[in-house]
Each structure stands twice: as C-alpha cells, then as structure tokens.
Protein backbone atom coordinates (compact mmCIF):
# COMPACT_ATOMS: atom_id res chain seq x y z
CA UNK A 1 135.16 68.80 128.12
CA UNK A 2 137.20 71.73 126.87
CA UNK A 3 137.84 73.05 130.39
CA UNK A 4 139.50 69.72 131.21
CA UNK A 5 142.23 70.71 128.76
CA UNK A 6 143.23 73.63 130.99
CA UNK A 7 142.53 72.37 134.50
CA UNK A 8 141.81 68.97 135.96
CA UNK A 9 141.83 68.59 139.78
CA UNK A 10 143.34 65.10 139.68
CA UNK A 11 146.06 66.09 137.23
CA UNK A 12 146.80 69.23 139.26
CA UNK A 13 147.12 67.13 142.43
CA UNK A 14 149.59 64.79 140.70
CA UNK A 15 151.63 67.75 139.45
CA UNK A 16 151.61 69.28 142.92
CA UNK A 17 152.75 66.00 144.51
CA UNK A 18 155.41 65.54 141.81
CA UNK A 19 156.82 69.03 142.45
CA UNK A 20 156.94 68.42 146.21
CA UNK A 21 158.73 65.08 145.73
CA UNK A 22 161.35 66.55 143.40
CA UNK A 23 161.95 69.76 145.37
CA UNK A 24 161.20 68.52 148.90
CA UNK A 25 164.76 69.11 150.11
CA UNK A 26 164.80 72.62 148.65
CA UNK A 27 161.48 73.52 150.28
CA UNK A 28 162.42 71.93 153.60
CA UNK A 29 165.81 73.65 153.87
CA UNK A 30 164.33 76.94 152.66
CA UNK A 31 161.59 76.94 155.31
CA UNK A 32 163.92 75.63 158.03
CA UNK A 33 166.58 78.12 156.97
CA UNK A 34 164.38 81.22 157.15
CA UNK A 35 162.89 79.99 160.45
CA UNK A 36 166.28 79.49 162.09
CA UNK A 37 167.64 82.69 160.53
CA UNK A 38 164.85 84.88 161.92
CA UNK A 39 165.20 83.29 165.36
CA UNK A 40 168.98 83.85 165.53
CA UNK A 41 168.76 87.32 164.01
CA UNK A 42 165.97 88.35 166.39
CA UNK A 43 167.89 87.04 169.39
CA UNK A 44 171.10 88.80 168.33
CA UNK A 45 169.34 92.15 167.78
CA UNK A 46 167.46 91.86 171.07
CA UNK A 47 170.75 91.10 172.79
CA UNK A 48 172.45 94.12 171.23
CA UNK A 49 169.52 96.49 171.73
CA UNK A 50 169.81 96.84 175.48
CA UNK A 51 167.22 99.62 175.51
CA UNK A 52 164.64 97.01 174.59
CA UNK A 53 161.99 96.70 171.90
CA UNK A 54 159.56 99.21 173.39
CA UNK A 55 157.21 99.30 170.37
CA UNK A 56 156.35 96.96 167.51
CA UNK A 57 158.01 99.50 165.19
CA UNK A 58 161.32 98.18 166.52
CA UNK A 59 160.63 95.00 164.54
CA UNK A 60 160.14 96.83 161.21
CA UNK A 61 163.85 96.83 160.10
CA UNK A 62 164.06 93.15 161.07
CA UNK A 63 160.93 92.36 159.10
CA UNK A 64 162.12 94.27 156.03
CA UNK A 65 165.35 92.26 156.06
CA UNK A 66 163.33 89.08 156.47
CA UNK A 67 161.06 89.98 153.54
CA UNK A 68 164.12 90.41 151.34
CA UNK A 69 164.95 86.76 151.98
CA UNK A 70 161.34 85.77 151.34
CA UNK A 71 161.45 87.72 148.08
CA UNK A 72 164.52 85.74 147.04
CA UNK A 73 162.59 82.49 147.46
CA UNK A 74 159.66 83.80 145.41
CA UNK A 75 162.00 85.23 142.78
CA UNK A 76 163.48 81.77 142.24
CA UNK A 77 160.19 80.12 141.34
CA UNK A 78 160.09 77.66 138.43
CA UNK A 79 163.54 76.19 139.20
CA UNK A 80 163.22 73.77 136.26
CA UNK A 81 163.34 76.71 133.84
CA UNK A 82 166.90 77.60 134.84
CA UNK A 83 168.38 74.65 132.95
CA UNK A 84 167.73 73.73 129.31
CA UNK A 85 167.52 69.96 129.93
CA UNK A 86 165.30 70.35 132.98
CA UNK A 87 163.15 72.84 131.09
CA UNK A 88 162.45 70.33 128.32
CA UNK A 89 161.52 67.61 130.82
CA UNK A 90 159.36 70.03 132.80
CA UNK A 91 157.43 71.24 129.78
CA UNK A 92 156.85 67.67 128.55
CA UNK A 93 155.54 66.46 131.91
CA UNK A 94 151.80 65.63 131.70
CA UNK A 95 149.75 68.66 132.64
CA UNK A 96 148.50 71.89 131.16
CA UNK A 97 150.44 75.15 131.26
CA UNK A 98 147.84 76.58 133.62
CA UNK A 99 148.25 73.68 136.06
CA UNK A 100 152.05 74.01 136.07
CA UNK A 101 151.67 77.73 136.61
CA UNK A 102 149.21 77.22 139.46
CA UNK A 103 151.43 74.65 141.20
CA UNK A 104 154.24 77.19 141.52
CA UNK A 105 151.83 79.99 142.41
CA UNK A 106 150.25 77.95 145.20
CA UNK A 107 153.60 76.77 146.61
CA UNK A 108 155.60 79.99 146.30
CA UNK A 109 152.92 82.56 147.14
CA UNK A 110 149.70 81.07 148.54
CA UNK A 111 151.52 78.71 150.94
CA UNK A 112 155.00 80.19 151.36
CA UNK A 113 153.99 83.73 152.35
CA UNK A 114 151.64 82.71 155.22
CA UNK A 115 154.15 80.08 156.40
CA UNK A 116 156.97 82.64 156.33
CA UNK A 117 154.92 85.21 158.25
CA UNK A 118 154.03 82.51 160.78
CA UNK A 119 157.71 81.60 161.18
CA UNK A 120 158.57 85.26 161.74
CA UNK A 121 156.03 85.45 164.57
CA UNK A 122 157.31 82.19 166.10
CA UNK A 123 160.97 83.18 165.69
CA UNK A 124 160.60 86.55 167.42
CA UNK A 125 158.64 85.02 170.32
CA UNK A 126 161.21 82.22 170.73
CA UNK A 127 163.99 84.81 170.71
CA UNK A 128 162.28 86.73 173.51
CA UNK A 129 161.75 83.50 175.46
CA UNK A 130 165.47 82.72 175.08
CA UNK A 131 166.27 86.14 176.54
CA UNK A 132 164.47 85.06 179.73
CA UNK A 133 166.17 81.66 179.82
CA UNK A 134 169.69 82.90 179.03
CA UNK A 135 169.77 86.14 180.96
CA UNK A 136 172.52 88.57 180.01
CA UNK A 137 173.76 91.33 182.35
CA UNK A 138 172.43 94.74 181.38
CA UNK A 139 169.44 93.40 179.48
CA UNK A 140 165.82 93.33 180.61
CA UNK A 141 163.58 91.01 178.52
CA UNK A 142 160.54 92.71 180.08
CA UNK A 143 161.35 95.76 177.91
CA UNK A 144 160.81 93.67 174.78
CA UNK A 145 157.27 93.99 173.49
CA UNK A 146 155.67 90.90 171.98
CA UNK A 147 155.51 91.03 168.20
CA UNK A 148 152.01 91.21 166.73
CA UNK A 149 151.10 91.84 163.09
CA UNK A 150 148.03 93.85 164.02
CA UNK A 151 150.24 96.42 165.76
CA UNK A 152 152.11 97.10 162.50
CA UNK A 153 148.90 98.39 160.91
CA UNK A 154 147.83 100.50 163.89
CA UNK A 155 149.38 103.63 162.37
CA UNK A 156 147.67 102.98 159.02
CA UNK A 157 144.53 105.11 159.42
CA UNK A 158 141.80 103.57 157.23
CA UNK A 159 140.72 100.15 156.03
CA UNK A 160 141.46 101.28 152.47
CA UNK A 161 145.04 102.12 153.44
CA UNK A 162 145.44 98.76 155.17
CA UNK A 163 144.13 97.02 152.04
CA UNK A 164 146.64 98.97 149.98
CA UNK A 165 149.54 97.81 152.18
CA UNK A 166 148.49 94.14 152.02
CA UNK A 167 147.87 94.13 148.27
CA UNK A 168 151.11 96.05 147.60
CA UNK A 169 153.06 93.25 149.29
CA UNK A 170 151.14 90.71 147.22
CA UNK A 171 151.70 92.70 144.01
CA UNK A 172 155.44 92.95 144.61
CA UNK A 173 155.53 89.20 145.20
CA UNK A 174 153.89 88.73 141.78
CA UNK A 175 156.57 90.98 140.25
CA UNK A 176 159.26 88.58 141.50
CA UNK A 177 157.14 85.58 140.51
CA UNK A 178 156.67 86.86 136.95
CA UNK A 179 160.39 87.65 136.67
CA UNK A 180 161.20 84.01 137.45
CA UNK A 181 159.34 83.02 134.28
CA UNK A 182 160.74 85.74 132.05
CA UNK A 183 164.41 85.40 132.93
CA UNK A 184 166.30 82.12 132.76
CA UNK A 185 169.47 83.05 134.66
CA UNK A 186 169.86 85.50 137.56
CA UNK A 187 166.11 86.06 137.37
CA UNK A 188 165.87 87.76 140.77
CA UNK A 189 168.66 90.26 140.03
CA UNK A 190 167.33 91.02 136.54
CA UNK A 191 163.78 91.45 137.84
CA UNK A 192 164.91 93.93 140.49
CA UNK A 193 166.97 95.89 137.95
CA UNK A 194 164.13 96.04 135.42
CA UNK A 195 161.64 97.01 138.15
CA UNK A 196 163.98 99.77 139.33
CA UNK A 197 164.41 101.08 135.79
CA UNK A 198 160.66 101.05 135.15
CA UNK A 199 160.06 102.90 138.41
CA UNK A 200 162.70 105.46 137.38
CA UNK A 201 161.05 105.95 133.98
CA UNK A 202 157.69 106.28 135.74
CA UNK A 203 159.02 109.10 137.93
CA UNK A 204 160.82 110.82 135.04
CA UNK A 205 157.57 110.81 133.07
CA UNK A 206 155.93 112.77 135.88
CA UNK A 207 158.92 115.12 135.98
CA UNK A 208 158.64 115.67 132.20
CA UNK A 209 154.92 116.48 132.26
CA UNK A 210 155.36 118.65 135.35
CA UNK A 211 157.81 120.80 133.37
CA UNK A 212 155.47 120.85 130.36
CA UNK A 213 152.28 121.88 132.17
CA UNK A 214 153.56 123.50 135.38
CA UNK A 215 156.91 124.98 134.34
CA UNK A 216 156.46 127.92 136.72
CA UNK A 217 156.06 125.64 139.74
CA UNK A 218 158.86 123.09 139.34
CA UNK A 219 162.66 123.18 139.24
CA UNK A 220 165.00 120.35 138.29
CA UNK A 221 163.49 116.97 139.12
CA UNK A 222 160.50 118.35 141.01
CA UNK A 223 157.09 116.79 140.43
CA UNK A 224 153.88 118.77 140.65
CA UNK A 225 150.42 117.17 140.64
CA UNK A 226 147.19 119.04 141.25
CA UNK A 227 145.65 117.48 144.31
CA UNK A 228 141.89 117.26 144.73
CA UNK A 229 139.38 115.12 146.55
CA UNK A 230 137.79 112.24 144.66
CA UNK A 231 135.70 111.18 147.66
CA UNK A 232 135.68 111.74 151.39
CA UNK A 233 139.21 111.18 152.76
CA UNK A 234 140.40 110.11 149.30
CA UNK A 235 142.57 112.23 146.99
CA UNK A 236 143.52 111.71 143.35
CA UNK A 237 147.15 110.94 144.27
CA UNK A 238 145.95 108.18 146.59
CA UNK A 239 143.85 106.73 143.77
CA UNK A 240 146.94 106.64 141.55
CA UNK A 241 149.08 104.91 144.18
CA UNK A 242 146.30 102.50 145.18
CA UNK A 243 145.73 101.56 141.54
CA UNK A 244 149.38 100.55 141.13
CA UNK A 245 149.63 98.74 144.45
CA UNK A 246 146.27 96.98 144.44
CA UNK A 247 145.73 96.18 140.76
CA UNK A 248 149.17 95.51 139.25
CA UNK A 249 149.02 91.77 140.07
CA UNK A 250 146.07 91.50 137.66
CA UNK A 251 148.51 92.36 134.88
CA UNK A 252 151.58 90.54 136.18
CA UNK A 253 150.09 87.08 136.74
CA UNK A 254 148.62 86.78 133.20
CA UNK A 255 151.94 88.10 131.86
CA UNK A 256 153.80 85.30 133.66
CA UNK A 257 151.28 82.68 132.52
CA UNK A 258 151.47 83.59 128.83
CA UNK A 259 155.27 83.72 128.99
CA UNK A 260 155.28 80.19 130.39
CA UNK A 261 152.84 79.11 127.68
CA UNK A 262 155.12 80.65 125.06
CA UNK A 263 157.97 78.41 126.24
CA UNK A 264 155.92 75.32 125.38
CA UNK A 265 155.50 76.38 121.76
C-alpha cells in the first residue's frame, strides 16, 4: 500500500529502538543532568531565600531558567545531522523521512517535555524535603510552599488564555525543533538569532503601519492598533496573539519535515 511508503508501525518501532540504542547515553545523562540540576538549584535558592517561597510565583524565575535548559535539549534534535558522515548514514538507514522525523519529534517533544516537567516537580519537592532534613539556622522550611503546576495558571483568567499559554510553550518548542533541521552547526544559537530578528521585523512592521495610518497618534517606535471586541471577553489583539501562539506549530512542523526530506534528495 502507498501509505506503507510513508509510515509503517514496525519500521517506526525499529527506528525508535535504533535511536535509543545509539543515543542512550546522551538521553540518560541529559535527563539525569536536568533532574540533578533542578534539585541542586532549587535547594540552593531555597537556602538563600530565607524569607521563604510564600507563593508559587517564587518558582517562576527558577522554572524559566529550567526551560532554557530544556530548550537547549530540544534545539539539538537530529544529532546525526551535525556531521556529514553521520548525516549520510542516518539518511540511508531504512525508514521513511516521516518516520525519522516522528522518532525525533516523539523523543524530543512528546516524551522529553512531560518527563522534564515531572523532574522539575520532583526536584523542587526533594529540595524542600532536604531543607527539613538538613536544617539551617535562620531558615524555616514551613515557609516554602509546595510547587504545583495548577497554581501557575491560577492568575490566567480564562480557559482560552490557559490554552494559549500551553500551546505557546509547545509552539516555541517546535521553533527550536525546526531550527535543528535547518541549521547544521550551532543550530540552537542560529535559531534564537533568526527568531529574534523575525520578531523584531514583526514589531517594526506594526510601527511602520502605525505611522502610515495613525501618524497623529504615534511617536517614534510607538504602535497603535484599534482595539475592538470580536466576541465576549475577546478582543482583536488577543485574536492576533492567540493565532501566533496557538497555530504557529502547524507551519513549523511541516517546514521541518520538508527540510529533512530535502536533505535526502
């Protein structure tokens, strides 16, 4: 059957197993490394912050730092593409382009992100437990609130806003994932630079049109957008931001796939 040319469950399973066997040390040390790192970092910050973690918001800077490390792991997907010899062997290995693409997608995003978030939860709770076991003068572990992901979204008012936050994280992960296919060397750095430049151009475009159509209302790099309601509790600016955050992965994943397919030609 023609669909067998693109995806075969048995062939996909063999590719998946092959990737795990080749990169098992990398995956093991990466997962162990981020787990130990978040535990030590959480414990150190809790030790230094003698006022205590009174709210879950206290964990936000720690989580942002942690997500930078997670982004580095995603941004280094397709390790075989970083070397010409390994690239040739990788592309010749039995399996369709789609299957090779899906193996990395499943490992680096579908599995890695939930595992990493789980390790963050475990690491912060172990750090708090250590504070009780190794008591330090001037610190009160009872002032440290238990970390919970649901608390982070408490201040996000609606379900639509919560969906936007979750999908924005996923979309940014696909940006890093796609960059790993497009760039052979220093893919993470190049992806971040290109993303920053595109975001800058995006903002400058709004500045340009603001000066064209609302010249009497803007000065310098100001941006002016007429705001109006599209639906109840939903404005046009929200629709614009939600569209970028929620839908961009639909463009980025096919872009990465066709770039990988191009390498096989």
